[in-house]
């Protein structure tokens, strides 16, 4: 093997690693967003039903609606750690 062949293979491996990091970061944010949306789907409907019956439930309903969105923040943190490693 010549030095040029080794250099090309190293460059290809580095490009492949960077591409796989980007795919992993995209999956981290995308799947976290889909999971959060599915979780919030049922919570939001139940929360609005509870608020429609009792206006004092608004704060608790808002808290329960916001909780699944923290999972997306964790997915974003994982994506940022992957991209800037």
PDB file of N, CA and C in Angstrom:
ATOM      1  N   UNK A   1       0.829  -1.174   0.000  1.00  0.00           N
ATOM      2  CA  UNK A   1       0.000   0.000   0.000  1.00  0.00           C
ATOM      3  C   UNK A   1       0.876   1.241   0.000  1.00  0.00           C
ATOM      4  N   UNK A   2       0.493   2.183  -0.827  1.00  0.00           N
ATOM      5  CA  UNK A   2       1.282   3.409  -0.879  1.00  0.00           C
ATOM      6  C   UNK A   2       0.753   4.399   0.152  1.00  0.00           C
ATOM      7  N   UNK A   3       1.518   5.431   0.377  1.00  0.00           N
ATOM      8  CA  UNK A   3       1.140   6.460   1.355  1.00  0.00           C
ATOM      9  C   UNK A   3      -0.106   7.212   0.898  1.00  0.00           C
ATOM     10  N   UNK A   4      -0.260   7.381  -0.410  1.00  0.00           N
ATOM     11  CA  UNK A   4      -1.427   8.087  -0.928  1.00  0.00           C
ATOM     12  C   UNK A   4      -2.705   7.281  -0.694  1.00  0.00           C
ATOM     13  N   UNK A   5      -2.620   5.979  -0.861  1.00  0.00           N
ATOM     14  CA  UNK A   5      -3.777   5.117  -0.641  1.00  0.00           C
ATOM     15  C   UNK A   5      -4.204   5.148   0.820  1.00  0.00           C
ATOM     16  N   UNK A   6      -3.236   5.119   1.711  1.00  0.00           N
ATOM     17  CA  UNK A   6      -3.538   5.175   3.145  1.00  0.00           C
ATOM     18  C   UNK A   6      -4.167   6.510   3.493  1.00  0.00           C
ATOM     19  N   UNK A   7      -3.661   7.598   2.923  1.00  0.00           N
ATOM     20  CA  UNK A   7      -4.213   8.926   3.194  1.00  0.00           C
ATOM     21  C   UNK A   7      -5.648   9.038   2.703  1.00  0.00           C
ATOM     22  N   UNK A   8      -5.939   8.470   1.551  1.00  0.00           N
ATOM     23  CA  UNK A   8      -7.294   8.497   1.011  1.00  0.00           C
ATOM     24  C   UNK A   8      -8.232   7.681   1.893  1.00  0.00           C
ATOM     25  N   UNK A   9      -7.767   6.525   2.359  1.00  0.00           N
ATOM     26  CA  UNK A   9      -8.602   5.685   3.221  1.00  0.00           C
ATOM     27  C   UNK A   9      -8.872   6.364   4.565  1.00  0.00           C
ATOM     28  N   UNK A  10      -7.886   7.055   5.103  1.00  0.00           N
ATOM     29  CA  UNK A  10      -8.073   7.777   6.370  1.00  0.00           C
ATOM     30  C   UNK A  10      -9.067   8.910   6.181  1.00  0.00           C
ATOM     31  N   UNK A  11      -8.959   9.622   5.077  1.00  0.00           N
ATOM     32  CA  UNK A  11      -9.895  10.716   4.802  1.00  0.00           C
ATOM     33  C   UNK A  11     -11.316  10.181   4.617  1.00  0.00           C
ATOM     34  N   UNK A  12     -11.447   9.045   3.942  1.00  0.00           N
ATOM     35  CA  UNK A  12     -12.766   8.442   3.746  1.00  0.00           C
ATOM     36  C   UNK A  12     -13.355   7.982   5.079  1.00  0.00           C
ATOM     37  N   UNK A  13     -12.527   7.434   5.937  1.00  0.00           N
ATOM     38  CA  UNK A  13     -13.007   6.996   7.249  1.00  0.00           C
ATOM     39  C   UNK A  13     -13.441   8.191   8.091  1.00  0.00           C
ATOM     40  N   UNK A  14     -12.706   9.303   8.019  1.00  0.00           N
ATOM     41  CA  UNK A  14     -13.078  10.498   8.777  1.00  0.00           C
ATOM     42  C   UNK A  14     -14.389  11.081   8.259  1.00  0.00           C
ATOM     43  N   UNK A  15     -14.558  11.100   6.948  1.00  0.00           N
ATOM     44  CA  UNK A  15     -15.807  11.604   6.372  1.00  0.00           C
ATOM     45  C   UNK A  15     -16.982  10.702   6.747  1.00  0.00           C
ATOM     46  N   UNK A  16     -16.750   9.402   6.752  1.00  0.00           N
ATOM     47  CA  UNK A  16     -17.799   8.467   7.138  1.00  0.00           C
ATOM     48  C   UNK A  16     -18.187   8.641   8.603  1.00  0.00           C
ATOM     49  N   UNK A  17     -17.206   8.857   9.456  1.00  0.00           N
ATOM     50  CA  UNK A  17     -17.479   9.071  10.880  1.00  0.00           C
ATOM     51  C   UNK A  17     -18.275  10.351  11.090  1.00  0.00           C
ATOM     52  N   UNK A  18     -17.924  11.411  10.356  1.00  0.00           N
ATOM     53  CA  UNK A  18     -18.662  12.673  10.479  1.00  0.00           C
ATOM     54  C   UNK A  18     -20.101  12.503  10.004  1.00  0.00           C
ATOM     55  N   UNK A  19     -20.291  11.741   8.932  1.00  0.00           N
ATOM     56  CA  UNK A  19     -21.647  11.495   8.445  1.00  0.00           C
ATOM     57  C   UNK A  19     -22.471  10.691   9.419  1.00  0.00           C
ATOM     58  N   UNK A  20     -21.866   9.686  10.028  1.00  0.00           N
ATOM     59  CA  UNK A  20     -22.595   8.880  11.013  1.00  0.00           C
ATOM     60  C   UNK A  20     -22.916   9.681  12.268  1.00  0.00           C
ATOM     61  N   UNK A  21     -22.041  10.624  12.637  1.00  0.00           N
ATOM     62  CA  UNK A  21     -22.361  11.512  13.764  1.00  0.00           C
ATOM     63  C   UNK A  21     -23.585  12.352  13.455  1.00  0.00           C
ATOM     64  N   UNK A  22     -23.654  12.867  12.229  1.00  0.00           N
ATOM     65  CA  UNK A  22     -24.803  13.687  11.829  1.00  0.00           C
ATOM     66  C   UNK A  22     -26.085  12.863  11.814  1.00  0.00           C
ATOM     67  N   UNK A  23     -26.005  11.640  11.346  1.00  0.00           N
ATOM     68  CA  UNK A  23     -27.185  10.766  11.346  1.00  0.00           C
ATOM     69  C   UNK A  23     -27.625  10.478  12.782  1.00  0.00           C
ATOM     70  N   UNK A  24     -26.674  10.208  13.659  1.00  0.00           N
ATOM     71  CA  UNK A  24     -27.002   9.953  15.066  1.00  0.00           C
ATOM     72  C   UNK A  24     -27.629  11.161  15.733  1.00  0.00           C
ATOM     73  N   UNK A  25     -27.101  12.349  15.429  1.00  0.00           N
ATOM     74  CA  UNK A  25     -27.672  13.568  16.009  1.00  0.00           C
ATOM     75  C   UNK A  25     -29.085  13.801  15.498  1.00  0.00           C
ATOM     76  N   UNK A  26     -29.296  13.558  14.217  1.00  0.00           N
ATOM     77  CA  UNK A  26     -30.639  13.711  13.663  1.00  0.00           C
ATOM     78  C   UNK A  26     -31.622  12.729  14.264  1.00  0.00           C
ATOM     79  N   UNK A  27     -31.177  11.498  14.442  1.00  0.00           N
ATOM     80  CA  UNK A  27     -32.050  10.498  15.071  1.00  0.00           C
ATOM     81  C   UNK A  27     -32.355  10.851  16.522  1.00  0.00           C
ATOM     82  N   UNK A  28     -31.370  11.384  17.231  1.00  0.00           N
ATOM     83  CA  UNK A  28     -31.591  11.743  18.638  1.00  0.00           C
ATOM     84  C   UNK A  28     -32.677  12.803  18.763  1.00  0.00           C
ATOM     85  N   UNK A  29     -32.594  13.837  17.948  1.00  0.00           N
ATOM     86  CA  UNK A  29     -33.592  14.911  18.030  1.00  0.00           C
ATOM     87  C   UNK A  29     -34.922  14.452  17.436  1.00  0.00           C
ATOM     88  N   UNK A  30     -34.882  13.770  16.306  1.00  0.00           N
ATOM     89  CA  UNK A  30     -36.116  13.360  15.641  1.00  0.00           C
ATOM     90  C   UNK A  30     -36.937  12.371  16.449  1.00  0.00           C
ATOM     91  N   UNK A  31     -36.289  11.343  16.945  1.00  0.00           N
ATOM     92  CA  UNK A  31     -37.029  10.339  17.721  1.00  0.00           C
ATOM     93  C   UNK A  31     -37.500  10.894  19.063  1.00  0.00           C
ATOM     94  N   UNK A  32     -36.692  11.779  19.660  1.00  0.00           N
ATOM     95  CA  UNK A  32     -37.136  12.414  20.903  1.00  0.00           C
ATOM     96  C   UNK A  32     -38.347  13.303  20.647  1.00  0.00           C
ATOM     97  N   UNK A  33     -38.354  13.997  19.519  1.00  0.00           N
ATOM     98  CA  UNK A  33     -39.500  14.842  19.176  1.00  0.00           C
ATOM     99  C   UNK A  33     -40.749  14.037  18.901  1.00  0.00           C
ATOM    100  N   UNK A  34     -40.599  12.925  18.182  1.00  0.00           N
ATOM    101  CA  UNK A  34     -41.760  12.074  17.891  1.00  0.00           C
ATOM    102  C   UNK A  34     -42.312  11.475  19.183  1.00  0.00           C
ATOM    103  N   UNK A  35     -41.430  10.997  20.042  1.00  0.00           N
ATOM    104  CA  UNK A  35     -41.881  10.427  21.313  1.00  0.00           C
ATOM    105  C   UNK A  35     -42.571  11.452  22.190  1.00  0.00           C
ATOM    106  N   UNK A  36     -42.014  12.651  22.212  1.00  0.00           N
ATOM    107  CA  UNK A  36     -42.624  13.718  23.000  1.00  0.00           C
ATOM    108  C   UNK A  36     -43.993  14.097  22.447  1.00  0.00           C
ATOM    109  N   UNK A  37     -44.098  14.153  21.124  1.00  0.00           N
ATOM    110  CA  UNK A  37     -45.385  14.480  20.511  1.00  0.00           C
ATOM    111  C   UNK A  37     -46.444  13.434  20.801  1.00  0.00           C
ATOM    112  N   UNK A  38     -46.045  12.168  20.736  1.00  0.00           N
ATOM    113  CA  UNK A  38     -47.001  11.102  21.049  1.00  0.00           C
ATOM    114  C   UNK A  38     -47.430  11.148  22.511  1.00  0.00           C
ATOM    115  N   UNK A  39     -46.487  11.444  23.396  1.00  0.00           N
ATOM    116  CA  UNK A  39     -46.836  11.536  24.808  1.00  0.00           C
ATOM    117  C   UNK A  39     -47.720  12.731  25.113  1.00  0.00           C
ATOM    118  N   UNK A  40     -47.427  13.835  24.436  1.00  0.00           N
ATOM    119  CA  UNK A  40     -48.182  15.058  24.701  1.00  0.00           C
ATOM    120  C   UNK A  40     -49.575  15.015  24.081  1.00  0.00           C
ATOM    121  N   UNK A  41     -49.761  14.149  23.109  1.00  0.00           N
ATOM    122  CA  UNK A  41     -51.057  14.034  22.438  1.00  0.00           C
ATOM    123  C   UNK A  41     -52.161  13.690  23.448  1.00  0.00           C
ATOM    124  N   UNK A  42     -51.931  12.672  24.225  1.00  0.00           N
ATOM    125  CA  UNK A  42     -52.944  12.276  25.198  1.00  0.00           C
ATOM    126  C   UNK A  42     -53.015  13.211  26.387  1.00  0.00           C
ATOM    127  N   UNK A  43     -51.856  13.708  26.805  1.00  0.00           N
ATOM    128  CA  UNK A  43     -51.822  14.602  27.963  1.00  0.00           C
ATOM    129  C   UNK A  43     -52.534  15.912  27.666  1.00  0.00           C
ATOM    130  N   UNK A  44     -52.302  16.456  26.463  1.00  0.00           N
ATOM    131  CA  UNK A  44     -52.926  17.738  26.110  1.00  0.00           C
ATOM    132  C   UNK A  44     -54.438  17.638  26.047  1.00  0.00           C
ATOM    133  N   UNK A  45     -54.934  16.558  25.475  1.00  0.00           N
ATOM    134  CA  UNK A  45     -56.384  16.381  25.391  1.00  0.00           C
ATOM    135  C   UNK A  45     -57.002  16.246  26.781  1.00  0.00           C
ATOM    136  N   UNK A  46     -56.373  15.462  27.635  1.00  0.00           N
ATOM    137  CA  UNK A  46     -56.899  15.288  28.991  1.00  0.00           C
ATOM    138  C   UNK A  46     -56.794  16.584  29.798  1.00  0.00           C
ATOM    139  N   UNK A  47     -55.705  17.314  29.590  1.00  0.00           N
ATOM    140  CA  UNK A  47     -55.525  18.568  30.329  1.00  0.00           C
ATOM    141  C   UNK A  47     -56.576  19.592  29.930  1.00  0.00           C
ATOM    142  N   UNK A  48     -56.868  19.702  28.646  1.00  0.00           N
ATOM    143  CA  UNK A  48     -57.876  20.669  28.220  1.00  0.00           C
ATOM    144  C   UNK A  48     -59.270  20.264  28.696  1.00  0.00           C
ATOM    145  N   UNK A  49     -59.527  18.959  28.747  1.00  0.00           N
ATOM    146  CA  UNK A  49     -60.804  18.502  29.297  1.00  0.00           C
ATOM    147  C   UNK A  49     -60.930  18.829  30.772  1.00  0.00           C
ATOM    148  N   UNK A  50     -59.839  18.676  31.507  1.00  0.00           N
ATOM    149  CA  UNK A  50     -59.865  18.991  32.942  1.00  0.00           C
ATOM    150  C   UNK A  50     -60.044  20.481  33.173  1.00  0.00           C
ATOM    151  N   UNK A  51     -59.388  21.303  32.352  1.00  0.00           N
ATOM    152  CA  UNK A  51     -59.514  22.761  32.503  1.00  0.00           C
ATOM    153  C   UNK A  51     -60.915  23.214  32.114  1.00  0.00           C
ATOM    154  N   UNK A  52     -61.532  22.551  31.136  1.00  0.00           N
ATOM    155  CA  UNK A  52     -62.889  22.912  30.742  1.00  0.00           C
ATOM    156  C   UNK A  52     -63.883  22.650  31.867  1.00  0.00           C
ATOM    157  N   UNK A  53     -63.625  21.622  32.669  1.00  0.00           N
ATOM    158  CA  UNK A  53     -64.515  21.317  33.777  1.00  0.00           C
ATOM    159  C   UNK A  53     -64.216  22.147  35.012  1.00  0.00           C
ATOM    160  N   UNK A  54     -62.928  22.413  35.269  1.00  0.00           N
ATOM    161  CA  UNK A  54     -62.532  23.129  36.483  1.00  0.00           C
ATOM    162  C   UNK A  54     -61.386  24.074  36.126  1.00  0.00           C
ATOM    163  N   UNK A  55     -61.662  25.377  36.169  1.00  0.00           N
ATOM    164  CA  UNK A  55     -60.663  26.381  35.783  1.00  0.00           C
ATOM    165  C   UNK A  55     -59.453  26.391  36.718  1.00  0.00           C
ATOM    166  N   UNK A  56     -59.569  25.887  37.922  1.00  0.00           N
ATOM    167  CA  UNK A  56     -58.453  25.878  38.871  1.00  0.00           C
ATOM    168  C   UNK A  56     -57.379  24.853  38.500  1.00  0.00           C
ATOM    169  N   UNK A  57     -57.665  23.989  37.553  1.00  0.00           N
ATOM    170  CA  UNK A  57     -56.714  22.960  37.139  1.00  0.00           C
ATOM    171  C   UNK A  57     -55.721  23.462  36.082  1.00  0.00           C
ATOM    172  N   UNK A  58     -55.812  24.744  35.697  1.00  0.00           N
ATOM    173  CA  UNK A  58     -54.996  25.242  34.584  1.00  0.00           C
ATOM    174  C   UNK A  58     -53.502  25.109  34.858  1.00  0.00           C
ATOM    175  N   UNK A  59     -53.044  25.492  36.035  1.00  0.00           N
ATOM    176  CA  UNK A  59     -51.610  25.422  36.349  1.00  0.00           C
ATOM    177  C   UNK A  59     -51.080  24.005  36.313  1.00  0.00           C
ATOM    178  N   UNK A  60     -51.801  23.089  36.900  1.00  0.00           N
ATOM    179  CA  UNK A  60     -51.390  21.686  36.898  1.00  0.00           C
ATOM    180  C   UNK A  60     -51.438  21.105  35.485  1.00  0.00           C
ATOM    181  N   UNK A  61     -52.456  21.480  34.723  1.00  0.00           N
ATOM    182  CA  UNK A  61     -52.564  21.000  33.347  1.00  0.00           C
ATOM    183  C   UNK A  61     -51.416  21.533  32.499  1.00  0.00           C
ATOM    184  N   UNK A  62     -51.055  22.780  32.701  1.00  0.00           N
ATOM    185  CA  UNK A  62     -49.931  23.357  31.963  1.00  0.00           C
ATOM    186  C   UNK A  62     -48.629  22.652  32.321  1.00  0.00           C
ATOM    187  N   UNK A  63     -48.445  22.346  33.588  1.00  0.00           N
ATOM    188  CA  UNK A  63     -47.244  21.636  34.024  1.00  0.00           C
ATOM    189  C   UNK A  63     -47.164  20.251  33.385  1.00  0.00           C
ATOM    190  N   UNK A  64     -48.272  19.528  33.374  1.00  0.00           N
ATOM    191  CA  UNK A  64     -48.282  18.190  32.776  1.00  0.00           C
ATOM    192  C   UNK A  64     -48.093  18.243  31.265  1.00  0.00           C
ATOM    193  N   UNK A  65     -48.538  19.338  30.638  1.00  0.00           N
ATOM    194  CA  UNK A  65     -48.371  19.479  29.199  1.00  0.00           C
ATOM    195  C   UNK A  65     -46.920  19.788  28.835  1.00  0.00           C
ATOM    196  N   UNK A  66     -46.224  20.498  29.684  1.00  0.00           N
ATOM    197  CA  UNK A  66     -44.841  20.909  29.396  1.00  0.00           C
ATOM    198  C   UNK A  66     -43.835  19.795  29.721  1.00  0.00           C
ATOM    199  N   UNK A  67     -44.152  18.899  30.620  1.00  0.00           N
ATOM    200  CA  UNK A  67     -43.210  17.860  31.036  1.00  0.00           C
ATOM    201  C   UNK A  67     -42.647  17.008  29.895  1.00  0.00           C
ATOM    202  N   UNK A  68     -43.450  16.539  28.943  1.00  0.00           N
ATOM    203  CA  UNK A  68     -42.857  15.721  27.874  1.00  0.00           C
ATOM    204  C   UNK A  68     -41.886  16.494  26.981  1.00  0.00           C
ATOM    205  N   UNK A  69     -42.002  17.802  26.939  1.00  0.00           N
ATOM    206  CA  UNK A  69     -41.110  18.588  26.087  1.00  0.00           C
ATOM    207  C   UNK A  69     -39.679  18.610  26.607  1.00  0.00           C
ATOM    208  N   UNK A  70     -39.482  18.264  27.867  1.00  0.00           N
ATOM    209  CA  UNK A  70     -38.112  18.221  28.385  1.00  0.00           C
ATOM    210  C   UNK A  70     -37.316  17.086  27.753  1.00  0.00           C
ATOM    211  N   UNK A  71     -38.005  16.053  27.285  1.00  0.00           N
ATOM    212  CA  UNK A  71     -37.327  14.941  26.623  1.00  0.00           C
ATOM    213  C   UNK A  71     -36.661  15.420  25.336  1.00  0.00           C
ATOM    214  N   UNK A  72     -37.297  16.347  24.629  1.00  0.00           N
ATOM    215  CA  UNK A  72     -36.716  16.886  23.406  1.00  0.00           C
ATOM    216  C   UNK A  72     -35.443  17.669  23.728  1.00  0.00           C
ATOM    217  N   UNK A  73     -35.436  18.357  24.846  1.00  0.00           N
ATOM    218  CA  UNK A  73     -34.234  19.089  25.251  1.00  0.00           C
ATOM    219  C   UNK A  73     -33.092  18.112  25.503  1.00  0.00           C
ATOM    220  N   UNK A  74     -33.392  16.974  26.122  1.00  0.00           N
ATOM    221  CA  UNK A  74     -32.349  15.960  26.322  1.00  0.00           C
ATOM    222  C   UNK A  74     -31.839  15.431  24.988  1.00  0.00           C
ATOM    223  N   UNK A  75     -32.736  15.218  24.034  1.00  0.00           N
ATOM    224  CA  UNK A  75     -32.323  14.786  22.703  1.00  0.00           C
ATOM    225  C   UNK A  75     -31.450  15.823  22.022  1.00  0.00           C
ATOM    226  N   UNK A  76     -31.764  17.100  22.201  1.00  0.00           N
ATOM    227  CA  UNK A  76     -30.953  18.166  21.634  1.00  0.00           C
ATOM    228  C   UNK A  76     -29.577  18.214  22.276  1.00  0.00           C
ATOM    229  N   UNK A  77     -29.508  17.997  23.571  1.00  0.00           N
ATOM    230  CA  UNK A  77     -28.212  17.971  24.263  1.00  0.00           C
ATOM    231  C   UNK A  77     -27.354  16.815  23.743  1.00  0.00           C
ATOM    232  N   UNK A  78     -27.958  15.663  23.554  1.00  0.00           N
ATOM    233  CA  UNK A  78     -27.225  14.519  23.017  1.00  0.00           C
ATOM    234  C   UNK A  78     -26.724  14.826  21.611  1.00  0.00           C
ATOM    235  N   UNK A  79     -27.571  15.451  20.799  1.00  0.00           N
ATOM    236  CA  UNK A  79     -27.170  15.808  19.431  1.00  0.00           C
ATOM    237  C   UNK A  79     -26.006  16.802  19.444  1.00  0.00           C
ATOM    238  N   UNK A  80     -26.060  17.787  20.307  1.00  0.00           N
ATOM    239  CA  UNK A  80     -24.972  18.764  20.381  1.00  0.00           C
ATOM    240  C   UNK A  80     -23.685  18.107  20.863  1.00  0.00           C
ATOM    241  N   UNK A  81     -23.800  17.187  21.819  1.00  0.00           N
ATOM    242  CA  UNK A  81     -22.599  16.477  22.273  1.00  0.00           C
ATOM    243  C   UNK A  81     -22.000  15.639  21.160  1.00  0.00           C
ATOM    244  N   UNK A  82     -22.844  15.031  20.333  1.00  0.00           N
ATOM    245  CA  UNK A  82     -22.332  14.235  19.213  1.00  0.00           C
ATOM    246  C   UNK A  82     -21.666  15.114  18.163  1.00  0.00           C
ATOM    247  N   UNK A  83     -22.295  16.229  17.848  1.00  0.00           N
ATOM    248  CA  UNK A  83     -21.775  17.062  16.764  1.00  0.00           C
ATOM    249  C   UNK A  83     -20.496  17.794  17.139  1.00  0.00           C
ATOM    250  N   UNK A  84     -20.327  18.193  18.377  1.00  0.00           N
ATOM    251  CA  UNK A  84     -19.171  18.984  18.778  1.00  0.00           C
ATOM    252  C   UNK A  84     -18.157  18.171  19.567  1.00  0.00           C
ATOM    253  N   UNK A  85     -18.139  16.894  19.385  1.00  0.00           N
ATOM    254  CA  UNK A  85     -17.182  16.040  20.090  1.00  0.00           C
ATOM    255  C   UNK A  85     -15.899  15.975  19.322  1.00  0.00           C
TER     256      UNK A  85
END
